[in-house]
């Protein structure tokens, strides 16, 4: 068997209180509103905020100040749960049909 060695662990301390820098959407289903936000990604160059809305089956895109810009995947996504951005490509994983779009 292997020897068990105690290794010191550095646990970072995070503040217990956070301050909102922008509040986006509200609990509805109209464009620009979010019913069940589930995942978020920030586009590095434009600072646009991409949010997948699990119950509305779409991705909603906001400016860095929280202004609604547009939405993606309406009628195409099934329970989107996470989102990633790489260059000009946006990837959304969906739990409803076990796909990545």
PDB file of N, CA and C in Angstrom:
ATOM      1  N   UNK A   1       0.799  -1.173   0.000  1.00  0.00           N
ATOM      2  CA  UNK A   1       0.000   0.000   0.000  1.00  0.00           C
ATOM      3  C   UNK A   1       0.847   1.244   0.000  1.00  0.00           C
ATOM      4  N   UNK A   2       0.230   2.344  -0.335  1.00  0.00           N
ATOM      5  CA  UNK A   2       0.915   3.628  -0.371  1.00  0.00           C
ATOM      6  C   UNK A   2       0.875   4.314   0.977  1.00  0.00           C
ATOM      7  N   UNK A   3       1.826   5.186   1.160  1.00  0.00           N
ATOM      8  CA  UNK A   3       1.918   5.951   2.402  1.00  0.00           C
ATOM      9  C   UNK A   3       1.001   7.165   2.313  1.00  0.00           C
ATOM     10  N   UNK A   4       0.266   7.441   3.362  1.00  0.00           N
ATOM     11  CA  UNK A   4      -0.604   8.611   3.416  1.00  0.00           C
ATOM     12  C   UNK A   4       0.217   9.779   3.941  1.00  0.00           C
ATOM     13  N   UNK A   5       0.236  10.854   3.199  1.00  0.00           N
ATOM     14  CA  UNK A   5       1.023  12.032   3.553  1.00  0.00           C
ATOM     15  C   UNK A   5       0.084  13.204   3.746  1.00  0.00           C
ATOM     16  N   UNK A   6       0.257  13.949   4.827  1.00  0.00           N
ATOM     17  CA  UNK A   6      -0.530  15.162   5.033  1.00  0.00           C
ATOM     18  C   UNK A   6       0.022  16.261   4.139  1.00  0.00           C
ATOM     19  N   UNK A   7      -0.838  16.831   3.331  1.00  0.00           N
ATOM     20  CA  UNK A   7      -0.440  17.926   2.453  1.00  0.00           C
ATOM     21  C   UNK A   7      -1.227  19.156   2.876  1.00  0.00           C
ATOM     22  N   UNK A   8      -0.517  20.245   3.169  1.00  0.00           N
ATOM     23  CA  UNK A   8      -1.267  21.454   3.550  1.00  0.00           C
ATOM     24  C   UNK A   8      -2.112  21.947   2.380  1.00  0.00           C
ATOM     25  N   UNK A   9      -3.304  22.354   2.682  1.00  0.00           N
ATOM     26  CA  UNK A   9      -4.219  22.839   1.653  1.00  0.00           C
ATOM     27  C   UNK A   9      -4.488  24.312   1.907  1.00  0.00           C
ATOM     28  N   UNK A  10      -4.295  25.113   0.884  1.00  0.00           N
ATOM     29  CA  UNK A  10      -4.611  26.534   0.977  1.00  0.00           C
ATOM     30  C   UNK A  10      -6.012  26.746   0.434  1.00  0.00           C
ATOM     31  N   UNK A  11      -6.909  27.132   1.285  1.00  0.00           N
ATOM     32  CA  UNK A  11      -8.284  27.388   0.877  1.00  0.00           C
ATOM     33  C   UNK A  11      -8.453  28.890   0.749  1.00  0.00           C
ATOM     34  N   UNK A  12      -8.746  29.359  -0.484  1.00  0.00           N
ATOM     35  CA  UNK A  12      -8.916  30.812  -0.636  1.00  0.00           C
ATOM     36  C   UNK A  12     -10.139  31.298   0.128  1.00  0.00           C
ATOM     37  N   UNK A  13     -10.041  32.481   0.657  1.00  0.00           N
ATOM     38  CA  UNK A  13     -11.172  33.076   1.373  1.00  0.00           C
ATOM     39  C   UNK A  13     -11.874  34.042   0.422  1.00  0.00           C
ATOM     40  N   UNK A  14     -13.154  33.875   0.313  1.00  0.00           N
ATOM     41  CA  UNK A  14     -13.959  34.744  -0.539  1.00  0.00           C
ATOM     42  C   UNK A  14     -14.856  35.595   0.348  1.00  0.00           C
ATOM     43  N   UNK A  15     -15.201  36.756  -0.137  1.00  0.00           N
ATOM     44  CA  UNK A  15     -16.102  37.587   0.676  1.00  0.00           C
ATOM     45  C   UNK A  15     -17.445  36.887   0.882  1.00  0.00           C
ATOM     46  N   UNK A  16     -18.050  37.132   2.001  1.00  0.00           N
ATOM     47  CA  UNK A  16     -19.345  36.520   2.290  1.00  0.00           C
ATOM     48  C   UNK A  16     -20.496  37.358   1.747  1.00  0.00           C
ATOM     49  N   UNK A  17     -20.187  38.513   1.252  1.00  0.00           N
ATOM     50  CA  UNK A  17     -21.212  39.403   0.728  1.00  0.00           C
ATOM     51  C   UNK A  17     -20.769  39.895  -0.647  1.00  0.00           C
ATOM     52  N   UNK A  18     -21.654  39.821  -1.605  1.00  0.00           N
ATOM     53  CA  UNK A  18     -21.348  40.267  -2.956  1.00  0.00           C
ATOM     54  C   UNK A  18     -22.210  41.466  -3.313  1.00  0.00           C
ATOM     55  N   UNK A  19     -21.711  42.272  -4.213  1.00  0.00           N
ATOM     56  CA  UNK A  19     -22.447  43.428  -4.694  1.00  0.00           C
ATOM     57  C   UNK A  19     -22.788  43.205  -6.162  1.00  0.00           C
ATOM     58  N   UNK A  20     -24.040  43.380  -6.517  1.00  0.00           N
ATOM     59  CA  UNK A  20     -24.446  43.249  -7.919  1.00  0.00           C
ATOM     60  C   UNK A  20     -23.853  44.389  -8.722  1.00  0.00           C
ATOM     61  N   UNK A  21     -23.307  44.026  -9.887  1.00  0.00           N
ATOM     62  CA  UNK A  21     -22.803  45.080 -10.761  1.00  0.00           C
ATOM     63  C   UNK A  21     -23.795  45.373 -11.880  1.00  0.00           C
ATOM     64  N   UNK A  22     -24.634  44.401 -12.200  1.00  0.00           N
ATOM     65  CA  UNK A  22     -25.712  44.607 -13.161  1.00  0.00           C
ATOM     66  C   UNK A  22     -26.770  43.539 -12.898  1.00  0.00           C
ATOM     67  N   UNK A  23     -28.022  43.913 -13.003  1.00  0.00           N
ATOM     68  CA  UNK A  23     -29.129  42.973 -12.856  1.00  0.00           C
ATOM     69  C   UNK A  23     -29.798  42.881 -14.207  1.00  0.00           C
ATOM     70  N   UNK A  24     -29.962  41.645 -14.699  1.00  0.00           N
ATOM     71  CA  UNK A  24     -30.546  41.485 -16.028  1.00  0.00           C
ATOM     72  C   UNK A  24     -31.769  40.584 -15.963  1.00  0.00           C
ATOM     73  N   UNK A  25     -32.694  40.857 -16.861  1.00  0.00           N
ATOM     74  CA  UNK A  25     -33.892  40.039 -16.987  1.00  0.00           C
ATOM     75  C   UNK A  25     -34.793  40.096 -15.767  1.00  0.00           C
ATOM     76  N   UNK A  26     -35.928  39.445 -15.880  1.00  0.00           N
ATOM     77  CA  UNK A  26     -36.847  39.231 -14.769  1.00  0.00           C
ATOM     78  C   UNK A  26     -37.606  37.954 -15.076  1.00  0.00           C
ATOM     79  N   UNK A  27     -38.336  37.431 -14.127  1.00  0.00           N
ATOM     80  CA  UNK A  27     -38.951  36.120 -14.289  1.00  0.00           C
ATOM     81  C   UNK A  27     -40.193  36.182 -15.165  1.00  0.00           C
ATOM     82  N   UNK A  28     -39.966  36.091 -16.453  1.00  0.00           N
ATOM     83  CA  UNK A  28     -41.040  36.096 -17.459  1.00  0.00           C
ATOM     84  C   UNK A  28     -40.567  35.311 -18.671  1.00  0.00           C
ATOM     85  N   UNK A  29     -41.365  35.320 -19.735  1.00  0.00           N
ATOM     86  CA  UNK A  29     -40.966  34.600 -20.932  1.00  0.00           C
ATOM     87  C   UNK A  29     -40.856  35.476 -22.176  1.00  0.00           C
ATOM     88  N   UNK A  30     -41.016  36.785 -22.046  1.00  0.00           N
ATOM     89  CA  UNK A  30     -40.882  37.693 -23.183  1.00  0.00           C
ATOM     90  C   UNK A  30     -39.405  37.852 -23.534  1.00  0.00           C
ATOM     91  N   UNK A  31     -39.082  38.293 -24.754  1.00  0.00           N
ATOM     92  CA  UNK A  31     -37.683  38.535 -25.108  1.00  0.00           C
ATOM     93  C   UNK A  31     -37.018  39.473 -24.094  1.00  0.00           C
ATOM     94  N   UNK A  32     -35.818  39.098 -23.681  1.00  0.00           N
ATOM     95  CA  UNK A  32     -35.084  39.908 -22.712  1.00  0.00           C
ATOM     96  C   UNK A  32     -35.384  39.571 -21.268  1.00  0.00           C
ATOM     97  N   UNK A  33     -36.316  38.659 -21.045  1.00  0.00           N
ATOM     98  CA  UNK A  33     -36.654  38.238 -19.689  1.00  0.00           C
ATOM     99  C   UNK A  33     -36.245  36.781 -19.505  1.00  0.00           C
ATOM    100  N   UNK A  34     -36.012  36.372 -18.269  1.00  0.00           N
ATOM    101  CA  UNK A  34     -35.512  35.034 -17.968  1.00  0.00           C
ATOM    102  C   UNK A  34     -36.466  34.329 -17.027  1.00  0.00           C
ATOM    103  N   UNK A  35     -36.819  33.101 -17.371  1.00  0.00           N
ATOM    104  CA  UNK A  35     -37.713  32.351 -16.489  1.00  0.00           C
ATOM    105  C   UNK A  35     -36.935  31.411 -15.568  1.00  0.00           C
ATOM    106  N   UNK A  36     -35.877  30.810 -16.097  1.00  0.00           N
ATOM    107  CA  UNK A  36     -35.047  29.923 -15.273  1.00  0.00           C
ATOM    108  C   UNK A  36     -33.610  29.965 -15.798  1.00  0.00           C
ATOM    109  N   UNK A  37     -32.886  31.063 -15.495  1.00  0.00           N
ATOM    110  CA  UNK A  37     -31.502  31.160 -15.976  1.00  0.00           C
ATOM    111  C   UNK A  37     -30.660  30.043 -15.374  1.00  0.00           C
ATOM    112  N   UNK A  38     -29.892  29.365 -16.214  1.00  0.00           N
ATOM    113  CA  UNK A  38     -29.200  28.163 -15.757  1.00  0.00           C
ATOM    114  C   UNK A  38     -27.694  28.225 -15.973  1.00  0.00           C
ATOM    115  N   UNK A  39     -27.244  28.880 -17.027  1.00  0.00           N
ATOM    116  CA  UNK A  39     -25.815  28.978 -17.314  1.00  0.00           C
ATOM    117  C   UNK A  39     -25.505  30.336 -17.888  1.00  0.00           C
ATOM    118  N   UNK A  40     -24.243  30.751 -17.742  1.00  0.00           N
ATOM    119  CA  UNK A  40     -23.852  32.081 -18.199  1.00  0.00           C
ATOM    120  C   UNK A  40     -22.448  32.029 -18.785  1.00  0.00           C
ATOM    121  N   UNK A  41     -22.206  32.852 -19.791  1.00  0.00           N
ATOM    122  CA  UNK A  41     -20.873  33.013 -20.377  1.00  0.00           C
ATOM    123  C   UNK A  41     -20.729  34.465 -20.817  1.00  0.00           C
ATOM    124  N   UNK A  42     -19.517  34.957 -20.772  1.00  0.00           N
ATOM    125  CA  UNK A  42     -19.234  36.328 -21.198  1.00  0.00           C
ATOM    126  C   UNK A  42     -18.360  36.271 -22.441  1.00  0.00           C
ATOM    127  N   UNK A  43     -18.770  36.966 -23.513  1.00  0.00           N
ATOM    128  CA  UNK A  43     -17.969  37.030 -24.727  1.00  0.00           C
ATOM    129  C   UNK A  43     -16.791  37.962 -24.459  1.00  0.00           C
ATOM    130  N   UNK A  44     -15.592  37.469 -24.631  1.00  0.00           N
ATOM    131  CA  UNK A  44     -14.390  38.188 -24.220  1.00  0.00           C
ATOM    132  C   UNK A  44     -14.202  39.534 -24.907  1.00  0.00           C
ATOM    133  N   UNK A  45     -14.422  39.604 -26.212  1.00  0.00           N
ATOM    134  CA  UNK A  45     -14.168  40.849 -26.948  1.00  0.00           C
ATOM    135  C   UNK A  45     -15.241  41.904 -26.743  1.00  0.00           C
ATOM    136  N   UNK A  46     -16.507  41.493 -26.797  1.00  0.00           N
ATOM    137  CA  UNK A  46     -17.605  42.459 -26.726  1.00  0.00           C
ATOM    138  C   UNK A  46     -18.160  42.624 -25.322  1.00  0.00           C
ATOM    139  N   UNK A  47     -17.827  41.694 -24.428  1.00  0.00           N
ATOM    140  CA  UNK A  47     -18.332  41.672 -23.055  1.00  0.00           C
ATOM    141  C   UNK A  47     -19.836  41.416 -23.000  1.00  0.00           C
ATOM    142  N   UNK A  48     -20.391  40.882 -24.083  1.00  0.00           N
ATOM    143  CA  UNK A  48     -21.807  40.526 -24.072  1.00  0.00           C
ATOM    144  C   UNK A  48     -22.021  39.359 -23.114  1.00  0.00           C
ATOM    145  N   UNK A  49     -23.189  39.344 -22.470  1.00  0.00           N
ATOM    146  CA  UNK A  49     -23.538  38.338 -21.472  1.00  0.00           C
ATOM    147  C   UNK A  49     -24.528  37.364 -22.111  1.00  0.00           C
ATOM    148  N   UNK A  50     -24.142  36.093 -22.184  1.00  0.00           N
ATOM    149  CA  UNK A  50     -24.974  35.045 -22.759  1.00  0.00           C
ATOM    150  C   UNK A  50     -25.541  34.216 -21.610  1.00  0.00           C
ATOM    151  N   UNK A  51     -26.865  34.081 -21.553  1.00  0.00           N
ATOM    152  CA  UNK A  51     -27.515  33.328 -20.484  1.00  0.00           C
ATOM    153  C   UNK A  51     -28.435  32.291 -21.115  1.00  0.00           C
ATOM    154  N   UNK A  52     -28.295  31.025 -20.692  1.00  0.00           N
ATOM    155  CA  UNK A  52     -29.261  30.029 -21.157  1.00  0.00           C
ATOM    156  C   UNK A  52     -30.432  30.006 -20.184  1.00  0.00           C
ATOM    157  N   UNK A  53     -31.613  30.019 -20.754  1.00  0.00           N
ATOM    158  CA  UNK A  53     -32.870  30.055 -20.002  1.00  0.00           C
ATOM    159  C   UNK A  53     -33.511  28.671 -20.119  1.00  0.00           C
ATOM    160  N   UNK A  54     -33.380  27.872 -19.066  1.00  0.00           N
ATOM    161  CA  UNK A  54     -33.748  26.459 -19.083  1.00  0.00           C
ATOM    162  C   UNK A  54     -35.217  26.225 -19.411  1.00  0.00           C
ATOM    163  N   UNK A  55     -36.126  26.964 -18.806  1.00  0.00           N
ATOM    164  CA  UNK A  55     -37.554  26.724 -19.034  1.00  0.00           C
ATOM    165  C   UNK A  55     -38.089  27.402 -20.286  1.00  0.00           C
ATOM    166  N   UNK A  56     -37.425  28.454 -20.755  1.00  0.00           N
ATOM    167  CA  UNK A  56     -37.859  29.097 -21.996  1.00  0.00           C
ATOM    168  C   UNK A  56     -37.147  28.526 -23.220  1.00  0.00           C
ATOM    169  N   UNK A  57     -36.231  27.565 -23.019  1.00  0.00           N
ATOM    170  CA  UNK A  57     -35.551  26.865 -24.125  1.00  0.00           C
ATOM    171  C   UNK A  57     -34.887  27.808 -25.117  1.00  0.00           C
ATOM    172  N   UNK A  58     -34.014  28.674 -24.579  1.00  0.00           N
ATOM    173  CA  UNK A  58     -33.335  29.633 -25.449  1.00  0.00           C
ATOM    174  C   UNK A  58     -32.097  30.177 -24.748  1.00  0.00           C
ATOM    175  N   UNK A  59     -31.293  30.883 -25.521  1.00  0.00           N
ATOM    176  CA  UNK A  59     -30.183  31.655 -24.968  1.00  0.00           C
ATOM    177  C   UNK A  59     -30.519  33.121 -25.181  1.00  0.00           C
ATOM    178  N   UNK A  60     -30.306  33.925 -24.151  1.00  0.00           N
ATOM    179  CA  UNK A  60     -30.626  35.350 -24.214  1.00  0.00           C
ATOM    180  C   UNK A  60     -29.317  36.121 -24.068  1.00  0.00           C
ATOM    181  N   UNK A  61     -29.119  37.102 -24.940  1.00  0.00           N
ATOM    182  CA  UNK A  61     -27.868  37.851 -24.966  1.00  0.00           C
ATOM    183  C   UNK A  61     -28.130  39.292 -24.569  1.00  0.00           C
ATOM    184  N   UNK A  62     -27.293  39.768 -23.624  1.00  0.00           N
ATOM    185  CA  UNK A  62     -27.391  41.121 -23.096  1.00  0.00           C
ATOM    186  C   UNK A  62     -26.069  41.846 -23.308  1.00  0.00           C
ATOM    187  N   UNK A  63     -26.142  43.180 -23.337  1.00  0.00           N
ATOM    188  CA  UNK A  63     -24.919  43.983 -23.360  1.00  0.00           C
ATOM    189  C   UNK A  63     -24.271  43.897 -21.983  1.00  0.00           C
ATOM    190  N   UNK A  64     -23.068  44.413 -21.857  1.00  0.00           N
ATOM    191  CA  UNK A  64     -22.395  44.380 -20.562  1.00  0.00           C
ATOM    192  C   UNK A  64     -23.109  45.232 -19.511  1.00  0.00           C
ATOM    193  N   UNK A  65     -24.002  46.110 -19.946  1.00  0.00           N
ATOM    194  CA  UNK A  65     -24.772  46.918 -18.993  1.00  0.00           C
ATOM    195  C   UNK A  65     -26.139  46.300 -18.685  1.00  0.00           C
ATOM    196  N   UNK A  66     -26.435  45.130 -19.298  1.00  0.00           N
ATOM    197  CA  UNK A  66     -27.690  44.442 -19.024  1.00  0.00           C
ATOM    198  C   UNK A  66     -28.806  44.724 -20.001  1.00  0.00           C
ATOM    199  N   UNK A  67     -28.534  45.458 -21.070  1.00  0.00           N
ATOM    200  CA  UNK A  67     -29.555  45.757 -22.084  1.00  0.00           C
ATOM    201  C   UNK A  67     -29.767  44.529 -22.966  1.00  0.00           C
ATOM    202  N   UNK A  68     -31.036  44.137 -23.180  1.00  0.00           N
ATOM    203  CA  UNK A  68     -31.348  43.000 -24.047  1.00  0.00           C
ATOM    204  C   UNK A  68     -30.905  43.302 -25.471  1.00  0.00           C
ATOM    205  N   UNK A  69     -30.184  42.356 -26.087  1.00  0.00           N
ATOM    206  CA  UNK A  69     -29.731  42.510 -27.462  1.00  0.00           C
ATOM    207  C   UNK A  69     -30.480  41.584 -28.412  1.00  0.00           C
ATOM    208  N   UNK A  70     -30.442  40.279 -28.145  1.00  0.00           N
ATOM    209  CA  UNK A  70     -31.122  39.306 -29.003  1.00  0.00           C
ATOM    210  C   UNK A  70     -31.181  37.962 -28.287  1.00  0.00           C
ATOM    211  N   UNK A  71     -31.818  36.984 -28.919  1.00  0.00           N
ATOM    212  CA  UNK A  71     -31.898  35.647 -28.357  1.00  0.00           C
ATOM    213  C   UNK A  71     -31.579  34.619 -29.430  1.00  0.00           C
ATOM    214  N   UNK A  72     -31.135  33.443 -28.997  1.00  0.00           N
ATOM    215  CA  UNK A  72     -30.760  32.360 -29.907  1.00  0.00           C
ATOM    216  C   UNK A  72     -31.487  31.082 -29.531  1.00  0.00           C
ATOM    217  N   UNK A  73     -31.681  30.212 -30.508  1.00  0.00           N
ATOM    218  CA  UNK A  73     -32.165  28.865 -30.236  1.00  0.00           C
ATOM    219  C   UNK A  73     -33.629  28.728 -29.948  1.00  0.00           C
ATOM    220  N   UNK A  74     -34.415  29.762 -30.155  1.00  0.00           N
ATOM    221  CA  UNK A  74     -35.849  29.676 -29.876  1.00  0.00           C
ATOM    222  C   UNK A  74     -36.441  28.578 -30.772  1.00  0.00           C
ATOM    223  N   UNK A  75     -37.095  27.597 -30.159  1.00  0.00           N
ATOM    224  CA  UNK A  75     -37.676  26.489 -30.906  1.00  0.00           C
ATOM    225  C   UNK A  75     -36.678  25.416 -31.292  1.00  0.00           C
ATOM    226  N   UNK A  76     -35.389  25.592 -30.918  1.00  0.00           N
ATOM    227  CA  UNK A  76     -34.363  24.618 -31.285  1.00  0.00           C
ATOM    228  C   UNK A  76     -33.698  23.973 -30.079  1.00  0.00           C
ATOM    229  N   UNK A  77     -33.705  24.645 -28.946  1.00  0.00           N
ATOM    230  CA  UNK A  77     -33.029  24.124 -27.760  1.00  0.00           C
ATOM    231  C   UNK A  77     -34.028  23.421 -26.846  1.00  0.00           C
ATOM    232  N   UNK A  78     -33.557  22.359 -26.178  1.00  0.00           N
ATOM    233  CA  UNK A  78     -34.411  21.603 -25.268  1.00  0.00           C
ATOM    234  C   UNK A  78     -33.752  21.551 -23.892  1.00  0.00           C
ATOM    235  N   UNK A  79     -34.205  22.422 -22.994  1.00  0.00           N
ATOM    236  CA  UNK A  79     -33.686  22.542 -21.631  1.00  0.00           C
ATOM    237  C   UNK A  79     -32.183  22.834 -21.624  1.00  0.00           C
ATOM    238  N   UNK A  80     -31.784  23.988 -22.192  1.00  0.00           N
ATOM    239  CA  UNK A  80     -30.359  24.336 -22.196  1.00  0.00           C
ATOM    240  C   UNK A  80     -29.846  24.526 -20.771  1.00  0.00           C
ATOM    241  N   UNK A  81     -28.671  23.941 -20.496  1.00  0.00           N
ATOM    242  CA  UNK A  81     -28.166  23.970 -19.125  1.00  0.00           C
ATOM    243  C   UNK A  81     -26.811  24.655 -18.984  1.00  0.00           C
ATOM    244  N   UNK A  82     -26.040  24.733 -20.056  1.00  0.00           N
ATOM    245  CA  UNK A  82     -24.763  25.437 -19.968  1.00  0.00           C
ATOM    246  C   UNK A  82     -24.424  26.022 -21.325  1.00  0.00           C
ATOM    247  N   UNK A  83     -23.528  27.002 -21.295  1.00  0.00           N
ATOM    248  CA  UNK A  83     -23.163  27.713 -22.517  1.00  0.00           C
ATOM    249  C   UNK A  83     -21.680  28.051 -22.467  1.00  0.00           C
ATOM    250  N   UNK A  84     -21.027  27.981 -23.623  1.00  0.00           N
ATOM    251  CA  UNK A  84     -19.611  28.334 -23.722  1.00  0.00           C
ATOM    252  C   UNK A  84     -19.396  29.088 -25.024  1.00  0.00           C
ATOM    253  N   UNK A  85     -18.432  29.985 -25.010  1.00  0.00           N
ATOM    254  CA  UNK A  85     -18.109  30.781 -26.194  1.00  0.00           C
ATOM    255  C   UNK A  85     -16.642  30.561 -26.510  1.00  0.00           C
ATOM    256  N   UNK A  86     -16.350  30.276 -27.778  1.00  0.00           N
ATOM    257  CA  UNK A  86     -14.972  30.140 -28.239  1.00  0.00           C
ATOM    258  C   UNK A  86     -14.858  30.863 -29.576  1.00  0.00           C
ATOM    259  N   UNK A  87     -14.182  31.989 -29.570  1.00  0.00           N
ATOM    260  CA  UNK A  87     -14.100  32.793 -30.791  1.00  0.00           C
ATOM    261  C   UNK A  87     -15.474  33.278 -31.194  1.00  0.00           C
ATOM    262  N   UNK A  88     -15.870  32.977 -32.421  1.00  0.00           N
ATOM    263  CA  UNK A  88     -17.186  33.373 -32.922  1.00  0.00           C
ATOM    264  C   UNK A  88     -18.244  32.284 -32.726  1.00  0.00           C
ATOM    265  N   UNK A  89     -17.881  31.186 -32.096  1.00  0.00           N
ATOM    266  CA  UNK A  89     -18.803  30.064 -31.920  1.00  0.00           C
ATOM    267  C   UNK A  89     -19.401  30.053 -30.520  1.00  0.00           C
ATOM    268  N   UNK A  90     -20.686  29.698 -30.461  1.00  0.00           N
ATOM    269  CA  UNK A  90     -21.398  29.566 -29.184  1.00  0.00           C
ATOM    270  C   UNK A  90     -21.860  28.120 -29.087  1.00  0.00           C
ATOM    271  N   UNK A  91     -21.568  27.478 -27.949  1.00  0.00           N
ATOM    272  CA  UNK A  91     -21.936  26.084 -27.723  1.00  0.00           C
ATOM    273  C   UNK A  91     -22.909  26.019 -26.547  1.00  0.00           C
ATOM    274  N   UNK A  92     -24.014  25.299 -26.761  1.00  0.00           N
ATOM    275  CA  UNK A  92     -25.026  25.167 -25.714  1.00  0.00           C
ATOM    276  C   UNK A  92     -25.281  23.677 -25.505  1.00  0.00           C
ATOM    277  N   UNK A  93     -25.189  23.237 -24.252  1.00  0.00           N
ATOM    278  CA  UNK A  93     -25.554  21.852 -23.952  1.00  0.00           C
ATOM    279  C   UNK A  93     -26.998  21.843 -23.451  1.00  0.00           C
ATOM    280  N   UNK A  94     -27.731  20.825 -23.901  1.00  0.00           N
ATOM    281  CA  UNK A  94     -29.149  20.726 -23.555  1.00  0.00           C
ATOM    282  C   UNK A  94     -29.407  19.400 -22.852  1.00  0.00           C
ATOM    283  N   UNK A  95     -30.055  19.465 -21.692  1.00  0.00           N
ATOM    284  CA  UNK A  95     -30.378  18.252 -20.959  1.00  0.00           C
ATOM    285  C   UNK A  95     -31.647  17.586 -21.480  1.00  0.00           C
ATOM    286  N   UNK A  96     -32.497  18.351 -22.151  1.00  0.00           N
ATOM    287  CA  UNK A  96     -33.763  17.803 -22.654  1.00  0.00           C
ATOM    288  C   UNK A  96     -33.593  16.752 -23.721  1.00  0.00           C
ATOM    289  N   UNK A  97     -32.572  16.904 -24.567  1.00  0.00           N
ATOM    290  CA  UNK A  97     -32.340  15.918 -25.619  1.00  0.00           C
ATOM    291  C   UNK A  97     -30.887  15.441 -25.653  1.00  0.00           C
ATOM    292  N   UNK A  98     -30.127  15.732 -24.600  1.00  0.00           N
ATOM    293  CA  UNK A  98     -28.733  15.264 -24.449  1.00  0.00           C
ATOM    294  C   UNK A  98     -27.876  15.622 -25.662  1.00  0.00           C
ATOM    295  N   UNK A  99     -27.921  16.908 -26.046  1.00  0.00           N
ATOM    296  CA  UNK A  99     -27.140  17.359 -27.204  1.00  0.00           C
ATOM    297  C   UNK A  99     -26.300  18.569 -26.849  1.00  0.00           C
ATOM    298  N   UNK A 100     -25.341  18.842 -27.732  1.00  0.00           N
ATOM    299  CA  UNK A 100     -24.596  20.111 -27.703  1.00  0.00           C
ATOM    300  C   UNK A 100     -24.820  20.749 -29.059  1.00  0.00           C
ATOM    301  N   UNK A 101     -25.320  21.981 -29.057  1.00  0.00           N
ATOM    302  CA  UNK A 101     -25.614  22.680 -30.315  1.00  0.00           C
ATOM    303  C   UNK A 101     -24.600  23.787 -30.528  1.00  0.00           C
TER     304      UNK A 101
END
